[in-house]
C-alpha atoms as a PDB file:
ATOM      1  CA  MET A   1      37.108  98.728 -64.746  1.00  0.00           C
ATOM      2  CA  GLU A   2      37.514  95.208 -62.854  1.00  0.00           C
ATOM      3  CA  THR A   3      35.751  92.321 -63.717  1.00  0.00           C
ATOM      4  CA  SER A   4      35.155  88.821 -62.988  1.00  0.00           C
ATOM      5  CA  ILE A   5      35.906  85.983 -64.608  1.00  0.00           C
ATOM      6  CA  ILE A   6      33.012  82.770 -65.149  1.00  0.00           C
ATOM      7  CA  LYS A   7      32.499  79.657 -64.927  1.00  0.00           C
ATOM      8  CA  ILE A   8      31.034  78.506 -68.563  1.00  0.00           C
ATOM      9  CA  GLY A   9      30.356  74.850 -69.341  1.00  0.00           C
ATOM     10  CA  ASN A  10      33.710  74.370 -69.236  1.00  0.00           C
ATOM     11  CA  SER A  11      34.296  77.474 -70.534  1.00  0.00           C
ATOM     12  CA  LYS A  12      34.615  80.812 -68.823  1.00  0.00           C
ATOM     13  CA  GLY A  13      33.919  83.713 -69.536  1.00  0.00           C
ATOM     14  CA  LEU A  14      33.718  88.101 -69.352  1.00  0.00           C
ATOM     15  CA  ARG A  15      30.569  89.203 -68.764  1.00  0.00           C
ATOM     16  CA  LEU A  16      29.887  92.708 -69.994  1.00  0.00           C
ATOM     17  CA  SER A  17      27.345  94.967 -68.199  1.00  0.00           C
ATOM     18  CA  LYS A  18      24.659  95.842 -70.635  1.00  0.00           C
ATOM     19  CA  THR A  19      25.300  99.659 -70.660  1.00  0.00           C
ATOM     20  CA  ILE A  20      29.517  98.595 -72.332  1.00  0.00           C
ATOM     21  CA  LEU A  21      27.157  96.788 -74.656  1.00  0.00           C
ATOM     22  CA  GLU A  22      24.775  99.432 -75.422  1.00  0.00           C
ATOM     23  CA  LYS A  23      28.309 102.304 -75.555  1.00  0.00           C
ATOM     24  CA  TYR A  24      30.066 100.778 -77.978  1.00  0.00           C
ATOM     25  CA  ASN A  25      26.770  98.975 -80.188  1.00  0.00           C
ATOM     26  CA  ILE A  26      28.936  95.171 -79.377  1.00  0.00           C
ATOM     27  CA  LYS A  27      25.237  92.908 -80.851  1.00  0.00           C
ATOM     28  CA  ASP A  28      26.731  88.885 -81.098  1.00  0.00           C
ATOM     29  CA  LYS A  29      29.827  88.985 -81.917  1.00  0.00           C
ATOM     30  CA  VAL A  30      33.215  91.073 -80.977  1.00  0.00           C
ATOM     31  CA  GLU A  31      36.338  90.390 -82.664  1.00  0.00           C
ATOM     32  CA  VAL A  32      39.449  89.021 -79.630  1.00  0.00           C
ATOM     33  CA  ILE A  33      42.462  90.871 -80.933  1.00  0.00           C
ATOM     34  CA  LEU A  34      45.550  90.058 -78.719  1.00  0.00           C
ATOM     35  CA  GLU A  35      48.488  92.892 -78.837  1.00  0.00           C
ATOM     36  CA  LYS A  36      51.432  93.722 -76.922  1.00  0.00           C
ATOM     37  CA  GLY A  37      49.723  92.239 -73.038  1.00  0.00           C
ATOM     38  CA  GLN A  38      46.689  93.458 -73.840  1.00  0.00           C
ATOM     39  CA  ILE A  39      43.647  91.824 -75.097  1.00  0.00           C
ATOM     40  CA  VAL A  40      40.885  94.109 -77.079  1.00  0.00           C
ATOM     41  CA  LEU A  41      37.390  93.251 -77.556  1.00  0.00           C
ATOM     42  CA  LYS A  42      36.328  95.124 -81.297  1.00  0.00           C
ATOM     43  CA  PRO A  43      32.629  95.425 -82.089  1.00  0.00           C
ATOM     44  CA  ILE A  44      32.070  93.772 -85.345  1.00  0.00           C
ATOM     45  CA  PRO A  45      29.243  95.496 -87.274  1.00  0.00           C
ATOM     46  CA  SER A  46      26.472  92.889 -88.300  1.00  0.00           C
ATOM     47  CA  PRO A  47      27.173  92.547 -92.349  1.00  0.00           C
ATOM     48  CA  ARG A  48      24.369  94.303 -94.618  1.00  0.00           C
ATOM     49  CA  GLY A  49      22.984  96.171 -91.251  1.00  0.00           C
ATOM     50  CA  ASP A  50      22.299 100.114 -92.693  1.00  0.00           C
ATOM     51  CA  TRP A  51      21.552  98.934 -96.381  1.00  0.00           C
ATOM     52  CA  GLU A  52      17.694  99.232 -95.228  1.00  0.00           C
ATOM     53  CA  LYS A  53      18.822 103.188 -94.729  1.00  0.00           C
ATOM     54  CA  GLU A  54      20.670 103.620 -97.916  1.00  0.00           C
ATOM     55  CA  PHE A  55      18.315 101.753-100.399  1.00  0.00           C
ATOM     56  CA  LYS A  56      16.151 104.615 -99.413  1.00  0.00           C
ATOM     57  CA  LYS A  57      18.662 107.359 -99.918  1.00  0.00           C
ATOM     58  CA  MET A  58      19.537 106.113-103.280  1.00  0.00           C
ATOM     59  CA  SER A  59      15.634 106.071-103.994  1.00  0.00           C
ATOM     60  CA  GLU A  60      15.283 109.425-103.269  1.00  0.00           C
ATOM     61  CA  ASN A  61      19.202 110.512-105.117  1.00  0.00           C
ATOM     62  CA  GLY A  62      16.923 108.730-107.932  1.00  0.00           C
ATOM     63  CA  ASP A  63      20.250 106.059-108.049  1.00  0.00           C
ATOM     64  CA  ASP A  64      18.311 102.930-107.810  1.00  0.00           C
ATOM     65  CA  THR A  65      18.022 103.144-111.790  1.00  0.00           C
ATOM     66  CA  LEU A  66      18.914  99.577-113.792  1.00  0.00           C
ATOM     67  CA  LEU A  67      22.591  99.599-115.048  1.00  0.00           C
ATOM     68  CA  ILE A  68      21.778  97.221-117.691  1.00  0.00           C
ATOM     69  CA  GLY A  69      18.757  96.191-118.685  1.00  0.00           C
ATOM     70  CA  ASP A  70      17.054  92.870-116.897  1.00  0.00           C
ATOM     71  CA  VAL A  71      15.999  91.696-121.040  1.00  0.00           C
ATOM     72  CA  PHE A  72      19.151  91.788-123.729  1.00  0.00           C
ATOM     73  CA  GLU A  73      17.798  91.453-126.810  1.00  0.00           C
ATOM     74  CA  ASP A  74      18.783  88.410-128.186  1.00  0.00           C
ATOM     75  CA  GLU A  75      17.376  86.825-124.992  1.00  0.00           C
ATOM     76  CA  ASN A  76      14.824  84.196-126.768  1.00  0.00           C
ATOM     77  CA  LEU A  77      12.087  84.138-123.792  1.00  0.00           C
ATOM     78  CA  GLU A  78       9.723  81.284-124.982  1.00  0.00           C
ATOM     79  CA  GLU A  79      12.729  78.986-124.230  1.00  0.00           C
ATOM     80  CA  TRP A  80      11.424  79.683-120.456  1.00  0.00           C
ATOM     81  CA  THR A  81       7.928  79.273-121.182  1.00  0.00           C
END
């Protein structure tokens, strides 16, 4: 595939087609890897992008219980009132 380098302000850039962006799941950022005379663009997945799905799975499996209590036995709750 051949594409042109375009002027963007004082810099230059590379325009990627919508098809390429969708196929390789490229959203907002890519990692640029320079190796052996090549430039490799690697998609950066959004952090915590699949947490909602994973939390739902945890709930369905009953794996979403607290590991420690949210109130300690020796905790003085009155000092907060």
